[in-house]
Amino acid sequence: MKIYFLGTGTSQGIPVIGSTHPVCQSVDFKDKRLRVAIWISWNDTSIIIDCGPDFRQQMLISNCQKVDAILFTHEHADHTAGLDDIRPFNFKQGSIPIYAHQRVIENLKRRFDYIFETENKYPGAPSVDAVEVCNNQSFELGGKSIIPIDALHGDLQVFGYRIEDFAYLTDIKTIASEEIAKLQDLKVLVINALRFEPHNTHFNLTEALDFIALIQPRKTYLTHISHVFGFHEAIRRQLPDNVFLAYDNLEINI
């Protein structure tokens, strides 16, 4: 199973528009972060988790040729605003299944009503097949079981996803013990770590490391990185041996 980090930044990305912050002016490619998303592929199956405003650019950079499904964590724009750009895949493949909490599906129907139109639909509009994701109900894609992981992003419910020995969780702040139990015996965990300082809706570094110590995966990659966290190389040197700072276009295999 191949894991490709399409984006590892926050809702503004790095560099932030108009910012003179030193990280935003860094020439290190690892400090340049598109909005957070990930591409997972195995055999002939190719899925994306989250489809934010940088989706088109991410597909071109990664050379992704096929999207069999899109899984959404939640409805915030940095995770959903690129939905219109699935059209080239529609033209090649037809309608694409999207998996999300019912609340997220209803949100997308309001914001992208032309995509979900059933009568007199514009022929060039994207086409999706919406599938509700429910907690404690796994589903299958490409012969693998996908286990939703329920968590909270402040007060907002979000889904993470486990696929075999890999789990991806972003934009989480709290998670119940029964959900933590679903994350045992991982080879690779991806988890958000926004910055050093506490935040009301995201893990900071201390919270992420505490969570990692509780889960004890073999390896962990931190994502959803803010420019105020600091330079990639400086952060990397402060992490435990089995914890890594993800960066855009990083590819790992499990």
C-alpha atoms as a PDB file:
ATOM      1  CA  MET A   1       0.000   0.000   0.000  1.00  0.00           C
ATOM      2  CA  LYS A   2       1.410   3.363  -1.076  1.00  0.00           C
ATOM      3  CA  ILE A   3       0.794   6.501   0.976  1.00  0.00           C
ATOM      4  CA  TYR A   4       1.395   9.810  -0.816  1.00  0.00           C
ATOM      5  CA  PHE A   5       1.071  13.094   1.087  1.00  0.00           C
ATOM      6  CA  LEU A   6      -0.700  15.444  -1.312  1.00  0.00           C
ATOM      7  CA  GLY A   7      -0.719  18.289   1.206  1.00  0.00           C
ATOM      8  CA  THR A   8       0.390  18.744   4.808  1.00  0.00           C
ATOM      9  CA  GLY A   9      -0.562  22.353   5.562  1.00  0.00           C
ATOM     10  CA  THR A  10      -3.342  24.094   7.412  1.00  0.00           C
ATOM     11  CA  SER A  11      -6.370  25.892   5.975  1.00  0.00           C
ATOM     12  CA  GLN A  12      -4.213  28.774   4.694  1.00  0.00           C
ATOM     13  CA  GLY A  13      -1.379  26.669   3.367  1.00  0.00           C
ATOM     14  CA  ILE A  14       2.288  27.696   3.524  1.00  0.00           C
ATOM     15  CA  PRO A  15       3.315  30.279   2.473  1.00  0.00           C
ATOM     16  CA  VAL A  16       0.350  32.249   3.765  1.00  0.00           C
ATOM     17  CA  ILE A  17      -0.783  34.945   1.334  1.00  0.00           C
ATOM     18  CA  GLY A  18       0.946  38.245   2.138  1.00  0.00           C
ATOM     19  CA  SER A  19       2.858  36.861   5.121  1.00  0.00           C
ATOM     20  CA  THR A  20       6.399  37.946   5.945  1.00  0.00           C
ATOM     21  CA  HIS A  21       6.821  35.186   8.528  1.00  0.00           C
ATOM     22  CA  PRO A  22      10.255  33.530   8.096  1.00  0.00           C
ATOM     23  CA  VAL A  23       8.742  30.094   7.438  1.00  0.00           C
ATOM     24  CA  CYS A  24       6.570  31.572   4.679  1.00  0.00           C
ATOM     25  CA  GLN A  25       9.730  32.950   3.073  1.00  0.00           C
ATOM     26  CA  SER A  26      11.700  29.702   3.401  1.00  0.00           C
ATOM     27  CA  VAL A  27      13.349  28.303   0.271  1.00  0.00           C
ATOM     28  CA  ASP A  28      13.208  24.745   1.648  1.00  0.00           C
ATOM     29  CA  PHE A  29      10.608  22.821  -0.376  1.00  0.00           C
ATOM     30  CA  LYS A  30       9.606  20.967   2.795  1.00  0.00           C
ATOM     31  CA  ASP A  31       8.331  24.266   4.233  1.00  0.00           C
ATOM     32  CA  LYS A  32       5.911  24.771   1.329  1.00  0.00           C
ATOM     33  CA  ARG A  33       2.642  23.083   2.229  1.00  0.00           C
ATOM     34  CA  LEU A  34      -0.608  22.728   0.283  1.00  0.00           C
ATOM     35  CA  ARG A  35      -3.871  22.082   2.106  1.00  0.00           C
ATOM     36  CA  VAL A  36      -3.970  18.726   3.867  1.00  0.00           C
ATOM     37  CA  ALA A  37      -4.929  15.621   1.840  1.00  0.00           C
ATOM     38  CA  ILE A  38      -3.573  12.152   1.188  1.00  0.00           C
ATOM     39  CA  TRP A  39      -3.576   9.624  -1.661  1.00  0.00           C
ATOM     40  CA  ILE A  40      -3.646   5.917  -0.818  1.00  0.00           C
ATOM     41  CA  SER A  41      -3.234   3.232  -3.467  1.00  0.00           C
ATOM     42  CA  TRP A  42      -2.872  -0.526  -3.624  1.00  0.00           C
ATOM     43  CA  ASN A  43      -3.063  -2.980  -6.514  1.00  0.00           C
ATOM     44  CA  ASP A  44      -5.418  -1.199  -8.950  1.00  0.00           C
ATOM     45  CA  THR A  45      -7.252   0.845  -6.294  1.00  0.00           C
ATOM     46  CA  SER A  46      -6.665   4.577  -5.802  1.00  0.00           C
ATOM     47  CA  ILE A  47      -8.439   6.638  -3.146  1.00  0.00           C
ATOM     48  CA  ILE A  48      -8.121  10.192  -1.887  1.00  0.00           C
ATOM     49  CA  ILE A  49      -8.871  11.410   1.621  1.00  0.00           C
ATOM     50  CA  ASP A  50     -10.158  14.992   1.412  1.00  0.00           C
ATOM     51  CA  CYS A  51     -10.419  17.149  -1.670  1.00  0.00           C
ATOM     52  CA  GLY A  52      -9.435  20.701  -0.768  1.00  0.00           C
ATOM     53  CA  PRO A  53      -8.848  23.857  -2.808  1.00  0.00           C
ATOM     54  CA  ASP A  54      -5.413  22.635  -3.972  1.00  0.00           C
ATOM     55  CA  PHE A  55      -6.804  19.383  -5.432  1.00  0.00           C
ATOM     56  CA  ARG A  56      -6.082  20.201  -9.086  1.00  0.00           C
ATOM     57  CA  GLN A  57      -2.502  21.194  -8.351  1.00  0.00           C
ATOM     58  CA  GLN A  58      -2.014  18.108  -6.170  1.00  0.00           C
ATOM     59  CA  MET A  59      -3.256  15.770  -8.888  1.00  0.00           C
ATOM     60  CA  LEU A  60      -0.919  17.316 -11.446  1.00  0.00           C
ATOM     61  CA  ILE A  61       2.116  17.193  -9.164  1.00  0.00           C
ATOM     62  CA  SER A  62       1.474  13.618  -7.995  1.00  0.00           C
ATOM     63  CA  ASN A  63       0.551  12.380 -11.473  1.00  0.00           C
ATOM     64  CA  CYS A  64      -2.483  10.621 -10.040  1.00  0.00           C
ATOM     65  CA  GLN A  65      -4.278   9.048 -13.017  1.00  0.00           C
ATOM     66  CA  LYS A  66      -7.333   7.521 -11.342  1.00  0.00           C
ATOM     67  CA  VAL A  67      -9.565   8.194  -8.341  1.00  0.00           C
ATOM     68  CA  ASP A  68     -11.800   5.294  -7.349  1.00  0.00           C
ATOM     69  CA  ALA A  69     -13.261   7.053  -4.296  1.00  0.00           C
ATOM     70  CA  ILE A  70     -12.945  10.177  -2.175  1.00  0.00           C
ATOM     71  CA  LEU A  71     -13.268   9.892   1.601  1.00  0.00           C
ATOM     72  CA  PHE A  72     -14.073  13.065   3.516  1.00  0.00           C
ATOM     73  CA  THR A  73     -13.062  13.729   7.094  1.00  0.00           C
ATOM     74  CA  HIS A  74     -15.398  16.718   7.535  1.00  0.00           C
ATOM     75  CA  GLU A  75     -16.946  19.624   5.655  1.00  0.00           C
ATOM     76  CA  HIS A  76     -14.495  22.492   6.201  1.00  0.00           C
ATOM     77  CA  ALA A  77     -13.454  24.222   2.984  1.00  0.00           C
ATOM     78  CA  ASP A  78      -9.787  23.240   3.200  1.00  0.00           C
ATOM     79  CA  HIS A  79     -10.973  19.618   2.981  1.00  0.00           C
ATOM     80  CA  THR A  80     -13.798  19.916   0.430  1.00  0.00           C
ATOM     81  CA  ALA A  81     -13.479  23.034  -1.760  1.00  0.00           C
ATOM     82  CA  GLY A  82     -11.798  21.214  -4.654  1.00  0.00           C
ATOM     83  CA  LEU A  83     -14.731  18.954  -5.438  1.00  0.00           C
ATOM     84  CA  ASP A  84     -15.440  20.649  -8.784  1.00  0.00           C
ATOM     85  CA  ASP A  85     -11.976  19.660 -10.017  1.00  0.00           C
ATOM     86  CA  ILE A  86     -12.800  15.952 -10.106  1.00  0.00           C
ATOM     87  CA  ARG A  87     -14.310  16.539 -13.588  1.00  0.00           C
ATOM     88  CA  PRO A  88     -11.329  15.196 -15.599  1.00  0.00           C
ATOM     89  CA  PHE A  89     -11.632  11.934 -13.675  1.00  0.00           C
ATOM     90  CA  ASN A  90     -15.376  11.876 -14.378  1.00  0.00           C
ATOM     91  CA  PHE A  91     -14.716  12.273 -18.102  1.00  0.00           C
ATOM     92  CA  LYS A  92     -12.410   9.240 -18.016  1.00  0.00           C
ATOM     93  CA  GLN A  93     -14.111   7.081 -15.413  1.00  0.00           C
ATOM     94  CA  GLY A  94     -17.687   8.210 -14.904  1.00  0.00           C
ATOM     95  CA  SER A  95     -19.259   9.042 -11.551  1.00  0.00           C
ATOM     96  CA  ILE A  96     -17.000   8.835  -8.480  1.00  0.00           C
ATOM     97  CA  PRO A  97     -18.194   7.537  -5.100  1.00  0.00           C
ATOM     98  CA  ILE A  98     -17.701   9.947  -2.212  1.00  0.00           C
ATOM     99  CA  TYR A  99     -17.835   8.711   1.378  1.00  0.00           C
ATOM    100  CA  ALA A 100     -18.730  11.034   4.253  1.00  0.00           C
ATOM    101  CA  HIS A 101     -20.859  11.578   7.314  1.00  0.00           C
ATOM    102  CA  GLN A 102     -24.446  12.388   6.298  1.00  0.00           C
ATOM    103  CA  ARG A 103     -24.011  15.899   7.699  1.00  0.00           C
ATOM    104  CA  VAL A 104     -21.071  16.437   5.353  1.00  0.00           C
ATOM    105  CA  ILE A 105     -23.030  15.102   2.372  1.00  0.00           C
ATOM    106  CA  GLU A 106     -25.859  17.563   3.110  1.00  0.00           C
ATOM    107  CA  ASN A 107     -23.320  20.386   3.384  1.00  0.00           C
ATOM    108  CA  LEU A 108     -21.827  19.484  -0.001  1.00  0.00           C
ATOM    109  CA  LYS A 109     -25.299  19.345  -1.552  1.00  0.00           C
ATOM    110  CA  ARG A 110     -25.907  22.941  -0.458  1.00  0.00           C
ATOM    111  CA  ARG A 111     -22.534  24.267  -1.579  1.00  0.00           C
ATOM    112  CA  PHE A 112     -22.242  22.239  -4.788  1.00  0.00           C
ATOM    113  CA  ASP A 113     -25.918  21.910  -5.658  1.00  0.00           C
ATOM    114  CA  TYR A 114     -25.170  21.677  -9.397  1.00  0.00           C
ATOM    115  CA  ILE A 115     -23.150  18.496  -8.786  1.00  0.00           C
ATOM    116  CA  PHE A 116     -26.086  16.790  -7.088  1.00  0.00           C
ATOM    117  CA  GLU A 117     -28.743  18.069  -9.506  1.00  0.00           C
ATOM    118  CA  THR A 118     -30.914  15.242 -10.847  1.00  0.00           C
ATOM    119  CA  GLU A 119     -32.957  17.155 -13.427  1.00  0.00           C
ATOM    120  CA  ASN A 120     -31.545  19.275 -16.246  1.00  0.00           C
ATOM    121  CA  LYS A 121     -28.033  18.782 -14.947  1.00  0.00           C
ATOM    122  CA  TYR A 122     -25.371  20.680 -16.852  1.00  0.00           C
ATOM    123  CA  PRO A 123     -23.510  18.050 -18.922  1.00  0.00           C
ATOM    124  CA  GLY A 124     -20.051  19.259 -17.893  1.00  0.00           C
ATOM    125  CA  ALA A 125     -20.763  19.207 -14.159  1.00  0.00           C
ATOM    126  CA  PRO A 126     -18.955  16.740 -11.902  1.00  0.00           C
ATOM    127  CA  SER A 127     -20.717  13.520 -11.024  1.00  0.00           C
ATOM    128  CA  VAL A 128     -20.599  11.760  -7.646  1.00  0.00           C
ATOM    129  CA  ASP A 129     -22.339   8.910  -5.869  1.00  0.00           C
ATOM    130  CA  ALA A 130     -22.702   9.871  -2.205  1.00  0.00           C
ATOM    131  CA  VAL A 131     -22.292   7.101   0.374  1.00  0.00           C
ATOM    132  CA  GLU A 132     -22.998   7.762   4.046  1.00  0.00           C
ATOM    133  CA  VAL A 133     -20.277   6.812   6.512  1.00  0.00           C
ATOM    134  CA  CYS A 134     -21.533   5.765   9.943  1.00  0.00           C
ATOM    135  CA  ASN A 135     -19.470   5.188  13.033  1.00  0.00           C
ATOM    136  CA  ASN A 136     -18.865   1.537  13.910  1.00  0.00           C
ATOM    137  CA  GLN A 137     -19.747   0.514  10.351  1.00  0.00           C
ATOM    138  CA  SER A 138     -16.787  -0.425   8.194  1.00  0.00           C
ATOM    139  CA  PHE A 139     -17.026  -0.490   4.404  1.00  0.00           C
ATOM    140  CA  GLU A 140     -14.994  -2.085   1.654  1.00  0.00           C
ATOM    141  CA  LEU A 141     -12.943  -0.536  -1.131  1.00  0.00           C
ATOM    142  CA  GLY A 142     -10.656  -2.486  -3.431  1.00  0.00           C
ATOM    143  CA  GLY A 143     -10.904  -5.595  -1.276  1.00  0.00           C
ATOM    144  CA  LYS A 144      -9.813  -3.805   1.912  1.00  0.00           C
ATOM    145  CA  SER A 145     -11.931  -2.921   4.914  1.00  0.00           C
ATOM    146  CA  ILE A 146     -12.118   0.805   5.746  1.00  0.00           C
ATOM    147  CA  ILE A 147     -12.797   1.486   9.434  1.00  0.00           C
ATOM    148  CA  PRO A 148     -14.091   4.968  10.311  1.00  0.00           C
ATOM    149  CA  ILE A 149     -12.608   6.519  13.452  1.00  0.00           C
ATOM    150  CA  ASP A 150     -14.901   9.003  15.203  1.00  0.00           C
ATOM    151  CA  ALA A 151     -13.298  12.081  16.809  1.00  0.00           C
ATOM    152  CA  LEU A 152     -13.936  15.733  17.600  1.00  0.00           C
ATOM    153  CA  HIS A 153     -12.457  18.825  15.947  1.00  0.00           C
ATOM    154  CA  GLY A 154     -13.354  21.200  18.779  1.00  0.00           C
ATOM    155  CA  ASP A 155     -17.118  20.558  18.915  1.00  0.00           C
ATOM    156  CA  LEU A 156     -17.362  19.281  15.327  1.00  0.00           C
ATOM    157  CA  GLN A 157     -17.486  15.554  14.614  1.00  0.00           C
ATOM    158  CA  VAL A 158     -14.807  14.350  12.174  1.00  0.00           C
ATOM    159  CA  PHE A 159     -13.891  10.951  10.761  1.00  0.00           C
ATOM    160  CA  GLY A 160     -10.461   9.455  10.538  1.00  0.00           C
ATOM    161  CA  TYR A 161      -9.952   6.201   8.648  1.00  0.00           C
ATOM    162  CA  ARG A 162      -8.047   2.980   9.306  1.00  0.00           C
ATOM    163  CA  ILE A 163      -7.024   0.679   6.450  1.00  0.00           C
ATOM    164  CA  GLU A 164      -5.284  -2.475   7.680  1.00  0.00           C
ATOM    165  CA  ASP A 165      -2.162  -1.353   9.580  1.00  0.00           C
ATOM    166  CA  PHE A 166      -2.464   2.302   8.546  1.00  0.00           C
ATOM    167  CA  ALA A 167      -4.594   5.075  10.062  1.00  0.00           C
ATOM    168  CA  TYR A 168      -5.122   8.681   9.028  1.00  0.00           C
ATOM    169  CA  LEU A 169      -6.544  11.257  11.441  1.00  0.00           C
ATOM    170  CA  THR A 170      -6.493  14.982  10.899  1.00  0.00           C
ATOM    171  CA  ASP A 171      -8.135  17.997  12.541  1.00  0.00           C
ATOM    172  CA  ILE A 172      -8.738  16.163  15.790  1.00  0.00           C
ATOM    173  CA  LYS A 173      -8.650  17.551  19.316  1.00  0.00           C
ATOM    174  CA  THR A 174     -10.341  14.818  21.371  1.00  0.00           C
ATOM    175  CA  ILE A 175     -11.153  11.172  20.815  1.00  0.00           C
ATOM    176  CA  ALA A 176     -13.094   8.711  22.952  1.00  0.00           C
ATOM    177  CA  SER A 177     -11.514   5.604  24.472  1.00  0.00           C
ATOM    178  CA  GLU A 178     -13.681   3.273  22.373  1.00  0.00           C
ATOM    179  CA  GLU A 179     -12.307   4.904  19.221  1.00  0.00           C
ATOM    180  CA  ILE A 180      -8.746   4.711  20.514  1.00  0.00           C
ATOM    181  CA  ALA A 181      -9.282   0.969  20.890  1.00  0.00           C
ATOM    182  CA  LYS A 182      -9.716   0.788  17.080  1.00  0.00           C
ATOM    183  CA  LEU A 183      -6.185   2.113  16.597  1.00  0.00           C
ATOM    184  CA  GLN A 184      -4.126  -0.626  18.185  1.00  0.00           C
ATOM    185  CA  ASP A 185      -1.271  -2.447  16.398  1.00  0.00           C
ATOM    186  CA  LEU A 186      -0.661   0.147  13.703  1.00  0.00           C
ATOM    187  CA  LYS A 187       2.418   0.136  11.525  1.00  0.00           C
ATOM    188  CA  VAL A 188       1.860   3.763  10.476  1.00  0.00           C
ATOM    189  CA  LEU A 189      -0.245   6.518  12.021  1.00  0.00           C
ATOM    190  CA  VAL A 190      -0.748   9.948  10.466  1.00  0.00           C
ATOM    191  CA  ILE A 191      -1.960  12.547  12.959  1.00  0.00           C
ATOM    192  CA  ASN A 192      -2.363  16.327  13.034  1.00  0.00           C
ATOM    193  CA  ALA A 193       0.035  18.504  15.045  1.00  0.00           C
ATOM    194  CA  LEU A 194      -0.652  22.169  14.384  1.00  0.00           C
ATOM    195  CA  ARG A 195       2.021  23.958  16.409  1.00  0.00           C
ATOM    196  CA  PHE A 196       3.777  24.064  19.799  1.00  0.00           C
ATOM    197  CA  GLU A 197       1.173  26.281  21.484  1.00  0.00           C
ATOM    198  CA  PRO A 198      -2.228  24.841  22.505  1.00  0.00           C
ATOM    199  CA  HIS A 199      -5.152  25.282  20.111  1.00  0.00           C
ATOM    200  CA  ASN A 200      -8.861  24.907  20.837  1.00  0.00           C
ATOM    201  CA  THR A 201      -9.658  22.571  17.917  1.00  0.00           C
ATOM    202  CA  HIS A 202      -6.375  20.844  16.970  1.00  0.00           C
ATOM    203  CA  PHE A 203      -3.682  18.795  18.661  1.00  0.00           C
ATOM    204  CA  ASN A 204      -0.550  20.745  19.409  1.00  0.00           C
ATOM    205  CA  LEU A 205       2.763  18.872  19.408  1.00  0.00           C
ATOM    206  CA  THR A 206       2.549  17.820  23.068  1.00  0.00           C
ATOM    207  CA  GLU A 207      -0.971  16.442  22.621  1.00  0.00           C
ATOM    208  CA  ALA A 208       0.038  14.617  19.445  1.00  0.00           C
ATOM    209  CA  LEU A 209       3.046  13.030  21.145  1.00  0.00           C
ATOM    210  CA  ASP A 210       0.916  12.002  24.134  1.00  0.00           C
ATOM    211  CA  PHE A 211      -1.572  10.402  21.743  1.00  0.00           C
ATOM    212  CA  ILE A 212       1.232   8.602  19.917  1.00  0.00           C
ATOM    213  CA  ALA A 213       2.562   7.278  23.236  1.00  0.00           C
ATOM    214  CA  LEU A 214      -0.917   5.949  24.017  1.00  0.00           C
ATOM    215  CA  ILE A 215      -1.439   4.304  20.604  1.00  0.00           C
ATOM    216  CA  GLN A 216       2.181   3.145  20.164  1.00  0.00           C
ATOM    217  CA  PRO A 217       2.298   2.759  16.376  1.00  0.00           C
ATOM    218  CA  ARG A 218       5.601   1.664  14.871  1.00  0.00           C
ATOM    219  CA  LYS A 219       5.908   4.976  13.000  1.00  0.00           C
ATOM    220  CA  THR A 220       3.986   8.238  13.053  1.00  0.00           C
ATOM    221  CA  TYR A 221       3.897  11.107  10.562  1.00  0.00           C
ATOM    222  CA  LEU A 222       2.686  14.532  11.671  1.00  0.00           C
ATOM    223  CA  THR A 223       0.540  16.582   9.303  1.00  0.00           C
ATOM    224  CA  HIS A 224      -1.696  19.690   9.200  1.00  0.00           C
ATOM    225  CA  ILE A 225       1.324  21.870   9.999  1.00  0.00           C
ATOM    226  CA  SER A 226       1.067  25.623  10.626  1.00  0.00           C
ATOM    227  CA  HIS A 227       3.745  28.099   9.594  1.00  0.00           C
ATOM    228  CA  VAL A 228       4.005  29.206  13.236  1.00  0.00           C
ATOM    229  CA  PHE A 229       5.164  25.680  14.146  1.00  0.00           C
ATOM    230  CA  GLY A 230       8.542  26.558  12.648  1.00  0.00           C
ATOM    231  CA  PHE A 231      10.957  25.331  10.000  1.00  0.00           C
ATOM    232  CA  HIS A 232      10.704  21.693   8.944  1.00  0.00           C
ATOM    233  CA  GLU A 233      14.322  20.886   9.742  1.00  0.00           C
ATOM    234  CA  ALA A 234      14.185  22.532  13.178  1.00  0.00           C
ATOM    235  CA  ILE A 235      11.042  20.627  14.160  1.00  0.00           C
ATOM    236  CA  ARG A 236      12.364  17.345  12.769  1.00  0.00           C
ATOM    237  CA  ARG A 237      15.383  17.447  15.074  1.00  0.00           C
ATOM    238  CA  GLN A 238      13.134  17.699  18.141  1.00  0.00           C
ATOM    239  CA  LEU A 239      10.991  14.639  17.406  1.00  0.00           C
ATOM    240  CA  PRO A 240      11.371  11.113  18.810  1.00  0.00           C
ATOM    241  CA  ASP A 241      13.095   8.555  16.590  1.00  0.00           C
ATOM    242  CA  ASN A 242       9.848   6.961  15.416  1.00  0.00           C
ATOM    243  CA  VAL A 243       7.981  10.245  14.789  1.00  0.00           C
ATOM    244  CA  PHE A 244       8.461  12.131  11.521  1.00  0.00           C
ATOM    245  CA  LEU A 245       7.278  15.447  10.162  1.00  0.00           C
ATOM    246  CA  ALA A 246       5.407  14.805   6.917  1.00  0.00           C
ATOM    247  CA  TYR A 247       5.876  17.095   3.934  1.00  0.00           C
ATOM    248  CA  ASP A 248       4.168  17.537   0.583  1.00  0.00           C
ATOM    249  CA  ASN A 249       4.873  14.774  -1.944  1.00  0.00           C
ATOM    250  CA  LEU A 250       6.407  12.467   0.639  1.00  0.00           C
ATOM    251  CA  GLU A 251       5.728   8.855  -0.381  1.00  0.00           C
ATOM    252  CA  ILE A 252       5.885   5.860   1.938  1.00  0.00           C
ATOM    253  CA  ASN A 253       5.031   2.188   1.457  1.00  0.00           C
ATOM    254  CA  ILE A 254       3.482  -0.186   3.929  1.00  0.00           C
END
